[in-house]
Amino acid sequence: IETEEELEKTLETKDPCFILFYAEWCPFSQRFLPIFEKCAKDSNHQCYRMKIDDYPHLCDRYAVDVYPTIVFFEKGKAVERLDGIHGVGLNEKQFQDLIKVCHLRK
């Protein structure tokens, strides 16, 4: 997802999806991107990345305080989330656990 408009259109479809909010300058985001891509292949839901650098107001809208943060949306609403840990980021097991929880929501 490259723009705020794309994000809105994605959420308007109401299809369940994971969105990774990340910052290009953040080393924890950069380290997690390949993990996100790998784990996304194991998910039955769509997975998108949203670089937040040019859209800081979206941090307020989606309560993103730490990068990276993954939010799971159903019917356009945030229903589950995984916030990065300050100074640590996220790891593969955390994302796999979130995928499992969200798959159980079906």
Protein backbone atom coordinates (compact mmCIF):
# COMPACT_ATOMS: atom_id res chain seq x y z
CA ILE A 1 0.00 0.00 0.00
CA GLU A 2 1.61 3.22 -1.15
CA THR A 3 -0.92 5.92 -0.23
CA GLU A 4 -3.59 6.74 2.31
CA GLU A 5 -6.18 6.40 -0.46
CA GLU A 6 -4.99 2.86 -1.22
CA LEU A 7 -5.25 2.03 2.47
CA GLU A 8 -8.82 3.32 2.61
CA LYS A 9 -9.79 1.37 -0.51
CA THR A 10 -8.25 -1.79 0.91
CA LEU A 11 -10.23 -1.41 4.13
CA GLU A 12 -13.43 -0.57 2.24
CA THR A 13 -13.39 -4.02 0.65
CA LYS A 14 -14.10 -5.35 4.15
CA ASP A 15 -11.97 -8.42 3.40
CA PRO A 16 -9.97 -9.64 6.42
CA CYS A 17 -6.35 -8.50 6.13
CA PHE A 18 -3.16 -7.82 8.02
CA ILE A 19 -1.51 -4.43 7.59
CA LEU A 20 2.04 -3.89 8.72
CA PHE A 21 2.66 -0.26 9.66
CA TYR A 22 6.38 0.44 9.47
CA ALA A 23 8.88 3.25 9.09
CA GLU A 24 11.62 3.19 6.48
CA TRP A 25 14.14 4.76 8.89
CA CYS A 26 13.43 2.23 11.66
CA PRO A 27 15.99 -0.61 11.92
CA PHE A 28 13.44 -2.85 13.65
CA SER A 29 11.02 -2.34 10.76
CA GLN A 30 13.71 -3.11 8.21
CA ARG A 31 14.69 -6.27 10.06
CA PHE A 32 11.07 -7.41 10.26
CA LEU A 33 10.06 -6.79 6.61
CA PRO A 34 11.48 -10.08 5.24
CA ILE A 35 9.91 -11.96 8.16
CA PHE A 36 6.54 -10.35 7.39
CA GLU A 37 6.84 -11.32 3.72
CA LYS A 38 7.72 -14.92 4.62
CA CYS A 39 4.92 -15.31 7.17
CA ALA A 40 2.38 -13.64 4.88
CA LYS A 41 2.68 -16.64 2.56
CA ASP A 42 1.41 -18.86 5.41
CA SER A 43 -1.67 -16.75 6.01
CA ASN A 44 -5.08 -17.30 4.43
CA HIS A 45 -5.65 -13.55 4.67
CA GLN A 46 -4.22 -10.77 2.55
CA CYS A 47 -1.13 -9.09 3.99
CA TYR A 48 -0.14 -5.53 3.15
CA ARG A 49 2.66 -3.18 4.13
CA MET A 50 2.08 0.53 4.79
CA LYS A 51 5.13 2.74 5.09
CA ILE A 52 3.99 5.36 7.55
CA ASP A 53 6.82 7.89 7.01
CA ASP A 54 4.71 10.24 4.85
CA TYR A 55 1.47 9.67 6.78
CA PRO A 56 2.22 10.27 10.48
CA HIS A 57 -1.44 11.15 11.18
CA LEU A 58 -2.29 7.51 10.48
CA CYS A 59 -0.37 6.61 13.63
CA ASP A 60 -3.02 8.44 15.62
CA ARG A 61 -5.88 6.95 13.63
CA TYR A 62 -4.68 3.38 14.15
CA ALA A 63 -2.95 3.88 17.53
CA VAL A 64 0.51 3.00 16.19
CA ASP A 65 3.02 4.03 18.85
CA VAL A 66 5.88 1.66 17.99
CA TYR A 67 7.30 0.42 14.70
CA PRO A 68 6.66 -2.12 13.40
CA THR A 69 3.01 -2.74 14.31
CA ILE A 70 0.66 -5.21 12.64
CA VAL A 71 -3.09 -4.62 12.70
CA PHE A 72 -5.64 -7.23 11.61
CA PHE A 73 -8.78 -5.75 10.06
CA GLU A 74 -12.17 -7.41 9.59
CA LYS A 75 -14.97 -5.58 7.81
CA GLY A 76 -12.75 -2.49 7.77
CA LYS A 77 -12.30 -2.43 11.56
CA ALA A 78 -9.17 -3.17 13.59
CA VAL A 79 -9.91 -6.30 15.62
CA GLU A 80 -6.48 -7.68 16.58
CA ARG A 81 -3.02 -6.14 16.75
CA LEU A 82 0.59 -6.85 17.48
CA ASP A 83 2.62 -3.86 18.61
CA GLY A 84 6.38 -3.82 18.32
CA ILE A 85 8.36 -3.62 21.53
CA HIS A 86 10.51 -0.51 22.08
CA GLY A 87 14.12 -1.32 21.28
CA VAL A 88 13.24 -4.86 20.18
CA GLY A 89 10.64 -4.80 17.38
CA LEU A 90 8.79 -7.99 16.43
CA ASN A 91 9.79 -11.54 15.67
CA GLU A 92 8.49 -14.39 13.53
CA LYS A 93 6.91 -16.35 16.39
CA GLN A 94 4.87 -13.32 17.46
CA PHE A 95 3.49 -12.86 13.95
CA GLN A 96 2.80 -16.60 13.53
CA ASP A 97 0.88 -16.54 16.83
CA LEU A 98 -1.17 -13.56 15.61
CA ILE A 99 -1.93 -15.36 12.34
CA LYS A 100 -3.21 -18.38 14.31
CA VAL A 101 -5.45 -16.21 16.50
CA CYS A 102 -6.87 -14.41 13.48
CA HIS A 103 -7.49 -17.62 11.54
CA LEU A 104 -9.56 -18.85 14.50
CA ARG A 105 -11.83 -15.82 14.11
CA LYS A 106 -13.37 -17.30 10.95
